[in-house]
Amino acid sequence: MGSWQQLSFPEQMANIGSEVERAIKWKNKNKQERSQLAFFRSLELMDFTIADNNNMNRLGELCRLREVLVDYFFADNQYKSTDILWQKYFRAFTWQANLLAGR
């Protein structure tokens, strides 16, 4: 997890988003096992982000985000999330991370 803490918050979120994107892609191709593996990886990265002391001021948002992601992929989707919603949410972090990196 040490190198994870070296990433900026937008970079962390963009990496989580990449795994969520993979999970969505495989879900839509009816590849449930691959979708679950990508989603579990996104949860692992989310847990690293939650545990990162640099993100303590974002803890509430991060924990809620984790809850809503789990609801979307494994529960009743009570929050009415969609693939497009998740893609837009995480792409904003990818955009921000690229800006910070000067790309």
N, C-alpha and C. Protein backbone atom coordinates (compact mmCIF):
# COMPACT_ATOMS: atom_id res chain seq x y z
N MET A 1 0.82 -1.19 0.00
CA MET A 1 0.00 0.00 0.00
C MET A 1 0.86 1.26 0.00
N GLY A 2 2.13 1.16 0.35
CA GLY A 2 3.00 2.32 0.44
C GLY A 2 3.03 3.15 -0.83
N SER A 3 3.18 2.51 -1.98
CA SER A 3 3.22 3.27 -3.23
C SER A 3 1.85 3.87 -3.55
N TRP A 4 0.79 3.25 -3.08
CA TRP A 4 -0.56 3.77 -3.30
C TRP A 4 -0.68 5.15 -2.65
N GLN A 5 -0.10 5.31 -1.49
CA GLN A 5 -0.18 6.58 -0.78
C GLN A 5 0.62 7.68 -1.46
N GLN A 6 1.52 7.30 -2.35
CA GLN A 6 2.30 8.29 -3.09
C GLN A 6 1.49 8.91 -4.23
N LEU A 7 0.40 8.26 -4.61
CA LEU A 7 -0.46 8.79 -5.68
C LEU A 7 -1.33 9.91 -5.14
N SER A 8 -1.65 10.86 -6.00
CA SER A 8 -2.60 11.91 -5.62
C SER A 8 -3.99 11.30 -5.51
N PHE A 9 -4.88 11.99 -4.83
CA PHE A 9 -6.25 11.50 -4.72
C PHE A 9 -6.90 11.29 -6.10
N PRO A 10 -6.77 12.23 -7.04
CA PRO A 10 -7.34 11.97 -8.37
C PRO A 10 -6.75 10.73 -9.04
N GLU A 11 -5.45 10.50 -8.85
CA GLU A 11 -4.82 9.30 -9.43
C GLU A 11 -5.38 8.04 -8.79
N GLN A 12 -5.55 8.05 -7.49
CA GLN A 12 -6.14 6.89 -6.82
C GLN A 12 -7.54 6.61 -7.36
N MET A 13 -8.34 7.67 -7.45
CA MET A 13 -9.72 7.49 -7.92
C MET A 13 -9.77 7.07 -9.38
N ALA A 14 -8.87 7.58 -10.19
CA ALA A 14 -8.82 7.18 -11.60
C ALA A 14 -8.47 5.69 -11.72
N ASN A 15 -7.57 5.22 -10.88
CA ASN A 15 -7.23 3.79 -10.89
C ASN A 15 -8.41 2.93 -10.46
N ILE A 16 -9.12 3.37 -9.44
CA ILE A 16 -10.34 2.66 -9.02
C ILE A 16 -11.32 2.65 -10.19
N GLY A 17 -11.47 3.80 -10.82
CA GLY A 17 -12.39 3.91 -11.95
C GLY A 17 -12.04 2.98 -13.10
N SER A 18 -10.76 2.76 -13.33
CA SER A 18 -10.35 1.84 -14.39
C SER A 18 -10.86 0.43 -14.11
N GLU A 19 -10.79 0.03 -12.86
CA GLU A 19 -11.29 -1.31 -12.50
C GLU A 19 -12.81 -1.36 -12.58
N VAL A 20 -13.47 -0.28 -12.18
CA VAL A 20 -14.94 -0.23 -12.30
C VAL A 20 -15.33 -0.31 -13.77
N GLU A 21 -14.61 0.41 -14.63
CA GLU A 21 -14.86 0.34 -16.07
C GLU A 21 -14.72 -1.09 -16.59
N ARG A 22 -13.68 -1.78 -16.15
CA ARG A 22 -13.49 -3.18 -16.56
C ARG A 22 -14.66 -4.05 -16.07
N ALA A 23 -15.06 -3.83 -14.84
CA ALA A 23 -16.18 -4.61 -14.28
C ALA A 23 -17.45 -4.38 -15.10
N ILE A 24 -17.70 -3.14 -15.48
CA ILE A 24 -18.88 -2.82 -16.30
C ILE A 24 -18.76 -3.48 -17.66
N LYS A 25 -17.59 -3.36 -18.27
CA LYS A 25 -17.38 -3.95 -19.60
C LYS A 25 -17.65 -5.45 -19.59
N TRP A 26 -17.08 -6.16 -18.61
CA TRP A 26 -17.27 -7.61 -18.54
C TRP A 26 -18.71 -7.97 -18.17
N LYS A 27 -19.33 -7.17 -17.33
CA LYS A 27 -20.74 -7.42 -16.97
C LYS A 27 -21.61 -7.34 -18.22
N ASN A 28 -21.36 -6.34 -19.06
CA ASN A 28 -22.15 -6.16 -20.27
C ASN A 28 -21.87 -7.21 -21.34
N LYS A 29 -20.74 -7.90 -21.20
CA LYS A 29 -20.41 -9.01 -22.11
C LYS A 29 -20.80 -10.35 -21.50
N ASN A 30 -21.54 -10.30 -20.39
CA ASN A 30 -21.99 -11.51 -19.68
C ASN A 30 -20.83 -12.40 -19.23
N LYS A 31 -19.74 -11.78 -18.85
CA LYS A 31 -18.57 -12.48 -18.31
C LYS A 31 -18.53 -12.19 -16.82
N GLN A 32 -19.41 -12.84 -16.08
CA GLN A 32 -19.62 -12.54 -14.67
C GLN A 32 -18.35 -12.71 -13.83
N GLU A 33 -17.61 -13.78 -14.07
CA GLU A 33 -16.42 -14.03 -13.27
C GLU A 33 -15.38 -12.91 -13.46
N ARG A 34 -15.15 -12.53 -14.70
CA ARG A 34 -14.19 -11.45 -14.97
C ARG A 34 -14.68 -10.13 -14.39
N SER A 35 -15.98 -9.89 -14.50
CA SER A 35 -16.56 -8.67 -13.93
C SER A 35 -16.34 -8.63 -12.42
N GLN A 36 -16.58 -9.74 -11.76
CA GLN A 36 -16.40 -9.79 -10.31
C GLN A 36 -14.94 -9.58 -9.91
N LEU A 37 -14.02 -10.18 -10.67
CA LEU A 37 -12.59 -10.00 -10.36
C LEU A 37 -12.19 -8.53 -10.47
N ALA A 38 -12.65 -7.87 -11.53
CA ALA A 38 -12.35 -6.44 -11.69
C ALA A 38 -12.99 -5.62 -10.58
N PHE A 39 -14.22 -5.97 -10.23
CA PHE A 39 -14.90 -5.23 -9.17
C PHE A 39 -14.22 -5.44 -7.83
N PHE A 40 -13.81 -6.68 -7.54
CA PHE A 40 -13.11 -6.93 -6.28
C PHE A 40 -11.79 -6.15 -6.22
N ARG A 41 -11.12 -6.04 -7.36
CA ARG A 41 -9.89 -5.24 -7.41
C ARG A 41 -10.22 -3.77 -7.13
N SER A 42 -11.34 -3.28 -7.67
CA SER A 42 -11.72 -1.89 -7.39
C SER A 42 -11.99 -1.69 -5.91
N LEU A 43 -12.59 -2.68 -5.26
CA LEU A 43 -12.83 -2.59 -3.81
C LEU A 43 -11.53 -2.59 -3.03
N GLU A 44 -10.57 -3.40 -3.48
CA GLU A 44 -9.27 -3.42 -2.82
C GLU A 44 -8.61 -2.04 -2.91
N LEU A 45 -8.64 -1.45 -4.10
CA LEU A 45 -8.07 -0.12 -4.26
C LEU A 45 -8.85 0.92 -3.46
N MET A 46 -10.16 0.76 -3.41
CA MET A 46 -10.99 1.66 -2.60
C MET A 46 -10.59 1.57 -1.13
N ASP A 47 -10.37 0.36 -0.65
CA ASP A 47 -9.95 0.17 0.74
C ASP A 47 -8.59 0.81 1.02
N PHE A 48 -7.67 0.72 0.05
CA PHE A 48 -6.37 1.39 0.19
C PHE A 48 -6.57 2.90 0.28
N THR A 49 -7.48 3.42 -0.52
CA THR A 49 -7.75 4.86 -0.54
C THR A 49 -8.38 5.30 0.78
N ILE A 50 -9.30 4.50 1.29
CA ILE A 50 -9.93 4.80 2.57
C ILE A 50 -8.90 4.78 3.70
N ALA A 51 -7.96 3.85 3.63
CA ALA A 51 -6.95 3.71 4.68
C ALA A 51 -5.84 4.76 4.59
N ASP A 52 -5.76 5.46 3.47
CA ASP A 52 -4.71 6.46 3.26
C ASP A 52 -4.99 7.68 4.15
N ASN A 53 -4.08 7.96 5.07
CA ASN A 53 -4.26 9.09 6.00
C ASN A 53 -4.42 10.43 5.29
N ASN A 54 -3.93 10.54 4.07
CA ASN A 54 -4.07 11.77 3.30
C ASN A 54 -5.52 12.04 2.91
N ASN A 55 -6.37 11.03 3.03
CA ASN A 55 -7.76 11.15 2.59
C ASN A 55 -8.75 11.21 3.76
N MET A 56 -8.27 11.48 4.95
CA MET A 56 -9.14 11.48 6.12
C MET A 56 -10.30 12.47 5.98
N ASN A 57 -10.08 13.59 5.32
CA ASN A 57 -11.15 14.57 5.15
C ASN A 57 -12.19 14.13 4.13
N ARG A 58 -11.93 13.04 3.44
CA ARG A 58 -12.86 12.50 2.44
C ARG A 58 -13.48 11.17 2.87
N LEU A 59 -13.24 10.80 4.09
CA LEU A 59 -13.63 9.47 4.56
C LEU A 59 -15.12 9.19 4.38
N GLY A 60 -15.97 10.15 4.72
CA GLY A 60 -17.41 9.95 4.57
C GLY A 60 -17.81 9.69 3.13
N GLU A 61 -17.29 10.50 2.22
CA GLU A 61 -17.59 10.33 0.80
C GLU A 61 -17.09 8.99 0.28
N LEU A 62 -15.88 8.62 0.69
CA LEU A 62 -15.30 7.37 0.21
C LEU A 62 -16.07 6.15 0.71
N CYS A 63 -16.46 6.19 1.96
CA CYS A 63 -17.23 5.06 2.51
C CYS A 63 -18.60 4.95 1.84
N ARG A 64 -19.23 6.09 1.59
CA ARG A 64 -20.52 6.07 0.89
C ARG A 64 -20.34 5.58 -0.54
N LEU A 65 -19.29 6.02 -1.20
CA LEU A 65 -19.00 5.56 -2.55
C LEU A 65 -18.86 4.05 -2.58
N ARG A 66 -18.13 3.50 -1.64
CA ARG A 66 -17.95 2.05 -1.56
C ARG A 66 -19.29 1.36 -1.38
N GLU A 67 -20.11 1.89 -0.50
CA GLU A 67 -21.44 1.32 -0.25
C GLU A 67 -22.29 1.32 -1.52
N VAL A 68 -22.30 2.42 -2.25
CA VAL A 68 -23.14 2.53 -3.44
C VAL A 68 -22.60 1.64 -4.56
N LEU A 69 -21.29 1.51 -4.68
CA LEU A 69 -20.73 0.60 -5.68
C LEU A 69 -21.12 -0.85 -5.39
N VAL A 70 -21.02 -1.25 -4.14
CA VAL A 70 -21.41 -2.62 -3.78
C VAL A 70 -22.89 -2.83 -4.05
N ASP A 71 -23.70 -1.83 -3.73
CA ASP A 71 -25.14 -1.91 -4.00
C ASP A 71 -25.39 -2.11 -5.50
N TYR A 72 -24.64 -1.40 -6.33
CA TYR A 72 -24.84 -1.48 -7.78
C TYR A 72 -24.45 -2.85 -8.33
N PHE A 73 -23.33 -3.37 -7.90
CA PHE A 73 -22.83 -4.61 -8.48
C PHE A 73 -23.38 -5.87 -7.81
N PHE A 74 -23.74 -5.79 -6.53
CA PHE A 74 -24.09 -7.02 -5.81
C PHE A 74 -25.39 -7.00 -5.03
N ALA A 75 -26.09 -5.89 -5.02
CA ALA A 75 -27.33 -5.83 -4.24
C ALA A 75 -28.47 -5.42 -5.16
N ASP A 76 -29.42 -4.69 -4.61
CA ASP A 76 -30.65 -4.36 -5.33
C ASP A 76 -30.57 -3.06 -6.12
N ASN A 77 -29.44 -2.39 -6.12
CA ASN A 77 -29.27 -1.11 -6.78
C ASN A 77 -30.33 -0.11 -6.30
N GLN A 78 -30.46 -0.04 -4.99
CA GLN A 78 -31.45 0.86 -4.40
C GLN A 78 -31.17 2.33 -4.69
N TYR A 79 -29.93 2.67 -5.04
CA TYR A 79 -29.58 4.05 -5.35
C TYR A 79 -29.78 4.38 -6.83
N LYS A 80 -30.20 3.39 -7.59
CA LYS A 80 -30.51 3.55 -9.03
C LYS A 80 -29.31 4.02 -9.84
N SER A 81 -28.15 3.46 -9.55
CA SER A 81 -26.95 3.78 -10.31
C SER A 81 -27.04 3.17 -11.70
N THR A 82 -26.26 3.72 -12.61
CA THR A 82 -26.18 3.19 -13.97
C THR A 82 -24.72 3.10 -14.41
N ASP A 83 -24.48 2.34 -15.46
CA ASP A 83 -23.13 2.27 -16.02
C ASP A 83 -22.63 3.67 -16.37
N ILE A 84 -23.47 4.44 -17.04
CA ILE A 84 -23.08 5.77 -17.49
C ILE A 84 -22.76 6.68 -16.30
N LEU A 85 -23.54 6.60 -15.25
CA LEU A 85 -23.27 7.41 -14.06
C LEU A 85 -21.88 7.12 -13.53
N TRP A 86 -21.54 5.83 -13.39
CA TRP A 86 -20.22 5.47 -12.86
C TRP A 86 -19.11 5.89 -13.80
N GLN A 87 -19.33 5.72 -15.10
CA GLN A 87 -18.30 6.11 -16.06
C GLN A 87 -18.04 7.62 -15.99
N LYS A 88 -19.09 8.41 -15.93
CA LYS A 88 -18.91 9.87 -15.83
C LYS A 88 -18.23 10.25 -14.52
N TYR A 89 -18.63 9.63 -13.44
CA TYR A 89 -18.06 9.95 -12.13
C TYR A 89 -16.55 9.73 -12.13
N PHE A 90 -16.13 8.56 -12.57
CA PHE A 90 -14.70 8.24 -12.51
C PHE A 90 -13.89 8.92 -13.61
N ARG A 91 -14.49 9.18 -14.75
CA ARG A 91 -13.75 9.87 -15.82
C ARG A 91 -13.35 11.27 -15.40
N ALA A 92 -14.13 11.89 -14.55
CA ALA A 92 -13.77 13.22 -14.04
C ALA A 92 -12.43 13.15 -13.28
N PHE A 93 -12.21 12.08 -12.54
CA PHE A 93 -10.94 11.93 -11.82
C PHE A 93 -9.79 11.64 -12.78
N THR A 94 -10.06 10.88 -13.82
CA THR A 94 -9.03 10.61 -14.82
C THR A 94 -8.61 11.92 -15.48
N TRP A 95 -9.59 12.73 -15.82
CA TRP A 95 -9.32 14.04 -16.42
C TRP A 95 -8.48 14.90 -15.47
N GLN A 96 -8.88 14.94 -14.21
CA GLN A 96 -8.16 15.75 -13.22
C GLN A 96 -6.73 15.22 -13.01
N ALA A 97 -6.58 13.92 -12.92
CA ALA A 97 -5.24 13.33 -12.74
C ALA A 97 -4.35 13.66 -13.93
N ASN A 98 -4.90 13.61 -15.13
CA ASN A 98 -4.12 13.96 -16.32
C ASN A 98 -3.73 15.43 -16.31
N LEU A 99 -4.62 16.29 -15.88
CA LEU A 99 -4.31 17.72 -15.78
C LEU A 99 -3.17 17.96 -14.80
N LEU A 100 -3.24 17.31 -13.64
CA LEU A 100 -2.20 17.47 -12.62
C LEU A 100 -0.85 16.95 -13.12
N ALA A 101 -0.89 15.92 -13.96
CA ALA A 101 0.34 15.33 -14.49
C ALA A 101 0.85 16.09 -15.72
N GLY A 102 0.10 17.08 -16.16
CA GLY A 102 0.51 17.86 -17.32
C GLY A 102 0.31 17.16 -18.64
N ARG A 103 -0.65 16.24 -18.68
CA ARG A 103 -0.91 15.51 -19.93
C ARG A 103 -2.04 16.13 -20.69
